[in-house]
């Protein structure tokens, strides 16, 4: 199938961008049927946003202070412990995980 370059409008910034014939062929080879909605710079900005796992300082995950069940060291974890399961510090968790997978 032959493709021709298309001009599309970005859903975020409103500027026109080119959807090249090579990009269209790539989309088709991956089974993608929809055209891109965003220009390359807006796609990259969206990927870098907090929605995709990058957190800014004011959007950081709440950390909870705990005492490690194995070694007794003070630690912080990114979840609120329920109290009915042991909580491990990073080192003890890594050691425990490596023993289980070996």
N, C-alpha and C. Protein backbone atom coordinates (compact mmCIF):
# COMPACT_ATOMS: atom_id res chain seq x y z
N UNK A 1 0.85 -1.18 0.00
CA UNK A 1 0.00 0.00 0.00
C UNK A 1 0.90 1.24 0.00
N UNK A 2 0.51 2.24 -0.71
CA UNK A 2 1.28 3.48 -0.75
C UNK A 2 0.62 4.52 0.15
N UNK A 3 1.45 5.25 0.84
CA UNK A 3 0.99 6.27 1.76
C UNK A 3 1.49 7.63 1.29
N UNK A 4 0.74 8.66 1.62
CA UNK A 4 1.15 10.02 1.31
C UNK A 4 1.20 10.81 2.61
N UNK A 5 2.16 11.72 2.69
CA UNK A 5 2.28 12.56 3.88
C UNK A 5 0.96 13.29 4.14
N UNK A 6 0.60 13.38 5.44
CA UNK A 6 -0.63 14.07 5.83
C UNK A 6 -0.28 15.15 6.84
N UNK A 7 -1.04 16.20 6.84
CA UNK A 7 -0.91 17.26 7.84
C UNK A 7 -2.05 17.06 8.84
N UNK A 8 -1.68 16.90 10.12
CA UNK A 8 -2.65 16.71 11.20
C UNK A 8 -2.51 17.86 12.19
N UNK A 9 -3.53 18.06 13.01
CA UNK A 9 -3.48 19.10 14.02
C UNK A 9 -3.33 18.46 15.39
N UNK A 10 -2.37 18.96 16.16
CA UNK A 10 -2.09 18.42 17.49
C UNK A 10 -3.25 18.73 18.43
N UNK A 11 -3.69 17.72 19.18
CA UNK A 11 -4.80 17.87 20.11
C UNK A 11 -4.40 18.70 21.33
N UNK A 12 -3.11 18.78 21.64
CA UNK A 12 -2.66 19.53 22.81
C UNK A 12 -2.33 20.98 22.49
N UNK A 13 -1.42 21.20 21.55
CA UNK A 13 -0.95 22.57 21.27
C UNK A 13 -1.69 23.23 20.12
N UNK A 14 -2.39 22.46 19.29
CA UNK A 14 -3.14 23.01 18.19
C UNK A 14 -2.35 23.28 16.92
N UNK A 15 -1.05 23.06 16.96
CA UNK A 15 -0.23 23.29 15.78
C UNK A 15 -0.34 22.12 14.81
N UNK A 16 -0.11 22.42 13.54
CA UNK A 16 -0.10 21.37 12.52
C UNK A 16 1.21 20.61 12.59
N UNK A 17 1.15 19.30 12.33
CA UNK A 17 2.36 18.49 12.23
C UNK A 17 2.18 17.49 11.11
N UNK A 18 3.31 17.00 10.61
CA UNK A 18 3.28 16.09 9.47
C UNK A 18 3.29 14.64 9.93
N UNK A 19 2.38 13.87 9.40
CA UNK A 19 2.33 12.42 9.61
C UNK A 19 2.85 11.82 8.31
N UNK A 20 4.14 11.49 8.31
CA UNK A 20 4.81 11.10 7.07
C UNK A 20 4.35 9.73 6.58
N UNK A 21 4.63 9.47 5.33
CA UNK A 21 4.28 8.17 4.74
C UNK A 21 5.02 7.04 5.45
N UNK A 22 6.27 7.29 5.85
CA UNK A 22 7.02 6.27 6.60
C UNK A 22 6.38 5.99 7.95
N UNK A 23 5.93 7.04 8.64
CA UNK A 23 5.26 6.85 9.92
C UNK A 23 3.95 6.08 9.73
N UNK A 24 3.23 6.39 8.67
CA UNK A 24 1.98 5.68 8.38
C UNK A 24 2.23 4.20 8.12
N UNK A 25 3.29 3.90 7.39
CA UNK A 25 3.64 2.50 7.12
C UNK A 25 4.01 1.79 8.42
N UNK A 26 4.74 2.49 9.30
CA UNK A 26 5.11 1.91 10.59
C UNK A 26 3.85 1.62 11.41
N UNK A 27 2.94 2.59 11.49
CA UNK A 27 1.69 2.39 12.23
C UNK A 27 0.94 1.18 11.69
N UNK A 28 0.86 1.07 10.37
CA UNK A 28 0.15 -0.05 9.75
C UNK A 28 0.83 -1.37 10.07
N UNK A 29 2.16 -1.39 10.08
CA UNK A 29 2.88 -2.64 10.37
C UNK A 29 2.65 -3.10 11.80
N UNK A 30 2.34 -2.17 12.69
CA UNK A 30 2.07 -2.51 14.09
C UNK A 30 0.59 -2.75 14.35
N UNK A 31 -0.22 -2.64 13.31
CA UNK A 31 -1.66 -2.86 13.46
C UNK A 31 -2.39 -1.67 14.05
N UNK A 32 -1.76 -0.51 14.08
CA UNK A 32 -2.40 0.68 14.65
C UNK A 32 -3.28 1.32 13.58
N UNK A 33 -4.53 1.57 13.92
CA UNK A 33 -5.47 2.10 12.94
C UNK A 33 -5.75 3.59 13.13
N UNK A 34 -5.46 4.14 14.29
CA UNK A 34 -5.71 5.56 14.54
C UNK A 34 -4.48 6.39 14.21
N UNK A 35 -4.71 7.60 13.74
CA UNK A 35 -3.62 8.54 13.50
C UNK A 35 -3.15 9.10 14.84
N UNK A 36 -1.90 9.57 14.93
CA UNK A 36 -1.46 10.20 16.17
C UNK A 36 -2.25 11.48 16.42
N UNK A 37 -2.52 11.78 17.69
CA UNK A 37 -3.28 12.98 18.04
C UNK A 37 -2.37 14.13 18.42
N UNK A 38 -1.11 13.82 18.73
CA UNK A 38 -0.20 14.84 19.23
C UNK A 38 1.05 14.93 18.38
N UNK A 39 1.61 16.14 18.29
CA UNK A 39 2.88 16.33 17.59
C UNK A 39 3.99 15.69 18.43
N UNK A 40 5.16 15.57 17.85
CA UNK A 40 6.25 14.87 18.51
C UNK A 40 6.63 15.52 19.84
N UNK A 41 6.70 16.85 19.88
CA UNK A 41 7.10 17.50 21.13
C UNK A 41 6.04 17.32 22.22
N UNK A 42 4.77 17.35 21.86
CA UNK A 42 3.71 17.12 22.86
C UNK A 42 3.68 15.66 23.31
N UNK A 43 3.96 14.73 22.39
CA UNK A 43 4.05 13.31 22.78
C UNK A 43 5.17 13.10 23.78
N UNK A 44 6.33 13.71 23.50
CA UNK A 44 7.47 13.58 24.41
C UNK A 44 7.17 14.21 25.76
N UNK A 45 6.53 15.37 25.76
CA UNK A 45 6.17 16.03 27.02
C UNK A 45 5.19 15.17 27.81
N UNK A 46 4.27 14.55 27.13
CA UNK A 46 3.28 13.69 27.79
C UNK A 46 3.94 12.46 28.41
N UNK A 47 4.90 11.89 27.68
CA UNK A 47 5.62 10.73 28.21
C UNK A 47 6.41 11.08 29.45
N UNK A 48 6.94 12.30 29.48
CA UNK A 48 7.75 12.74 30.61
C UNK A 48 6.92 13.23 31.79
N UNK A 49 5.63 13.36 31.62
CA UNK A 49 4.78 13.92 32.66
C UNK A 49 4.59 12.94 33.81
N UNK A 50 4.05 13.43 34.90
CA UNK A 50 3.85 12.60 36.09
C UNK A 50 2.88 11.46 35.84
N UNK A 51 2.05 11.59 34.83
CA UNK A 51 1.10 10.52 34.52
C UNK A 51 1.82 9.24 34.11
N UNK A 52 3.05 9.38 33.64
CA UNK A 52 3.81 8.22 33.20
C UNK A 52 4.93 7.87 34.17
N UNK A 53 4.78 8.18 35.44
CA UNK A 53 5.70 7.72 36.45
C UNK A 53 6.77 8.68 36.89
N UNK A 54 6.98 9.78 36.21
CA UNK A 54 7.97 10.75 36.65
C UNK A 54 7.26 11.71 37.58
N UNK A 55 7.76 11.81 38.79
CA UNK A 55 7.09 12.64 39.78
C UNK A 55 7.90 13.90 40.05
N UNK A 56 7.23 15.01 40.09
CA UNK A 56 7.88 16.25 40.47
C UNK A 56 7.93 16.33 41.99
N UNK A 57 8.64 17.31 42.50
CA UNK A 57 8.81 17.43 43.94
C UNK A 57 7.48 17.61 44.66
N UNK A 58 6.58 18.40 44.08
CA UNK A 58 5.29 18.63 44.73
C UNK A 58 4.28 17.53 44.41
N UNK A 59 4.66 16.55 43.63
CA UNK A 59 3.79 15.43 43.30
C UNK A 59 4.44 14.11 43.74
N UNK A 60 5.27 14.19 44.78
CA UNK A 60 6.01 13.00 45.20
C UNK A 60 5.11 12.06 46.00
N UNK A 61 5.49 10.82 46.02
CA UNK A 61 4.73 9.79 46.71
C UNK A 61 4.93 9.93 48.22
N UNK A 62 3.88 9.74 48.97
CA UNK A 62 3.96 9.79 50.42
C UNK A 62 4.72 8.56 50.91
N UNK A 63 5.68 8.81 51.80
CA UNK A 63 6.49 7.73 52.37
C UNK A 63 6.09 7.55 53.84
N UNK A 64 6.17 6.32 54.31
CA UNK A 64 5.78 5.98 55.68
C UNK A 64 7.00 5.45 56.43
N UNK A 65 7.18 5.95 57.66
CA UNK A 65 8.28 5.49 58.51
C UNK A 65 7.92 4.15 59.12
N UNK A 66 8.86 3.21 59.06
CA UNK A 66 8.65 1.87 59.63
C UNK A 66 9.94 1.40 60.29
N UNK A 67 9.82 0.33 61.05
CA UNK A 67 10.97 -0.37 61.60
C UNK A 67 11.02 -1.73 60.92
N UNK A 68 12.16 -2.06 60.34
CA UNK A 68 12.31 -3.32 59.61
C UNK A 68 12.05 -4.51 60.53
N UNK A 69 11.24 -5.44 60.07
CA UNK A 69 10.89 -6.62 60.85
C UNK A 69 12.07 -7.57 61.03
N UNK A 70 13.05 -7.54 60.10
CA UNK A 70 14.20 -8.44 60.20
C UNK A 70 15.34 -7.86 61.01
N UNK A 71 15.81 -6.66 60.65
CA UNK A 71 17.03 -6.13 61.28
C UNK A 71 16.76 -5.03 62.29
N UNK A 72 15.54 -4.50 62.35
CA UNK A 72 15.20 -3.46 63.32
C UNK A 72 15.61 -2.06 62.91
N UNK A 73 16.10 -1.89 61.70
CA UNK A 73 16.53 -0.57 61.24
C UNK A 73 15.33 0.30 60.88
N UNK A 74 15.50 1.61 61.06
CA UNK A 74 14.48 2.54 60.62
C UNK A 74 14.49 2.59 59.09
N UNK A 75 13.32 2.66 58.50
CA UNK A 75 13.23 2.69 57.04
C UNK A 75 11.99 3.46 56.63
N UNK A 76 11.89 3.73 55.34
CA UNK A 76 10.69 4.34 54.78
C UNK A 76 10.20 3.48 53.63
N UNK A 77 8.88 3.35 53.55
CA UNK A 77 8.27 2.55 52.49
C UNK A 77 7.19 3.39 51.80
N UNK A 78 6.90 3.11 50.52
CA UNK A 78 5.91 3.91 49.78
C UNK A 78 4.47 3.41 49.93
N UNK A 79 4.19 2.69 50.99
CA UNK A 79 2.83 2.21 51.23
C UNK A 79 2.57 2.27 52.73
N UNK A 80 1.31 2.35 53.11
CA UNK A 80 0.97 2.37 54.52
C UNK A 80 0.87 0.94 55.02
N UNK A 81 1.75 0.54 55.93
CA UNK A 81 1.71 -0.83 56.44
C UNK A 81 0.39 -1.12 57.14
N UNK A 82 -0.12 -2.31 56.92
CA UNK A 82 -1.41 -2.68 57.51
C UNK A 82 -1.26 -3.21 58.93
N UNK A 83 -0.05 -3.61 59.29
CA UNK A 83 0.18 -4.10 60.64
C UNK A 83 0.11 -5.60 60.77
N UNK A 84 -0.49 -6.29 59.81
CA UNK A 84 -0.62 -7.75 59.90
C UNK A 84 0.43 -8.49 59.09
N UNK A 85 1.35 -7.77 58.45
CA UNK A 85 2.42 -8.41 57.67
C UNK A 85 3.74 -7.74 58.01
N UNK A 86 4.84 -8.49 57.96
CA UNK A 86 6.14 -7.88 58.24
C UNK A 86 6.53 -6.89 57.14
N UNK A 87 7.23 -5.84 57.55
CA UNK A 87 7.72 -4.83 56.61
C UNK A 87 9.24 -4.83 56.69
N UNK A 88 9.87 -4.87 55.52
CA UNK A 88 11.33 -4.96 55.46
C UNK A 88 11.93 -3.68 54.92
N UNK A 89 13.17 -3.38 55.38
CA UNK A 89 13.91 -2.27 54.79
C UNK A 89 14.39 -2.70 53.40
N UNK A 90 14.96 -1.77 52.67
CA UNK A 90 15.37 -2.06 51.30
C UNK A 90 16.40 -3.19 51.25
N UNK A 91 17.38 -3.17 52.14
CA UNK A 91 18.42 -4.21 52.13
C UNK A 91 17.86 -5.59 52.46
N UNK A 92 17.05 -5.67 53.49
CA UNK A 92 16.48 -6.97 53.87
C UNK A 92 15.52 -7.47 52.79
N UNK A 93 14.77 -6.56 52.18
CA UNK A 93 13.87 -6.97 51.10
C UNK A 93 14.67 -7.53 49.93
N UNK A 94 15.76 -6.84 49.57
CA UNK A 94 16.60 -7.31 48.46
C UNK A 94 17.18 -8.68 48.77
N UNK A 95 17.67 -8.86 50.00
CA UNK A 95 18.23 -10.16 50.39
C UNK A 95 17.16 -11.25 50.38
N UNK A 96 15.98 -10.94 50.88
CA UNK A 96 14.88 -11.89 50.91
C UNK A 96 14.45 -12.26 49.49
N UNK A 97 14.37 -11.27 48.62
CA UNK A 97 13.95 -11.50 47.24
C UNK A 97 14.97 -12.35 46.50
N UNK A 98 16.26 -12.08 46.70
CA UNK A 98 17.29 -12.86 45.99
C UNK A 98 17.33 -14.30 46.49
N UNK A 99 17.02 -14.54 47.76
CA UNK A 99 16.97 -15.91 48.28
C UNK A 99 15.79 -16.68 47.68
N UNK A 100 14.66 -15.99 47.49
CA UNK A 100 13.48 -16.65 46.93
C UNK A 100 13.66 -17.01 45.46
N UNK A 101 14.35 -16.15 44.71
CA UNK A 101 14.49 -16.39 43.27
C UNK A 101 15.65 -17.31 42.94
N UNK A 102 16.49 -17.63 43.90
CA UNK A 102 17.65 -18.51 43.63
C UNK A 102 17.29 -19.97 43.77
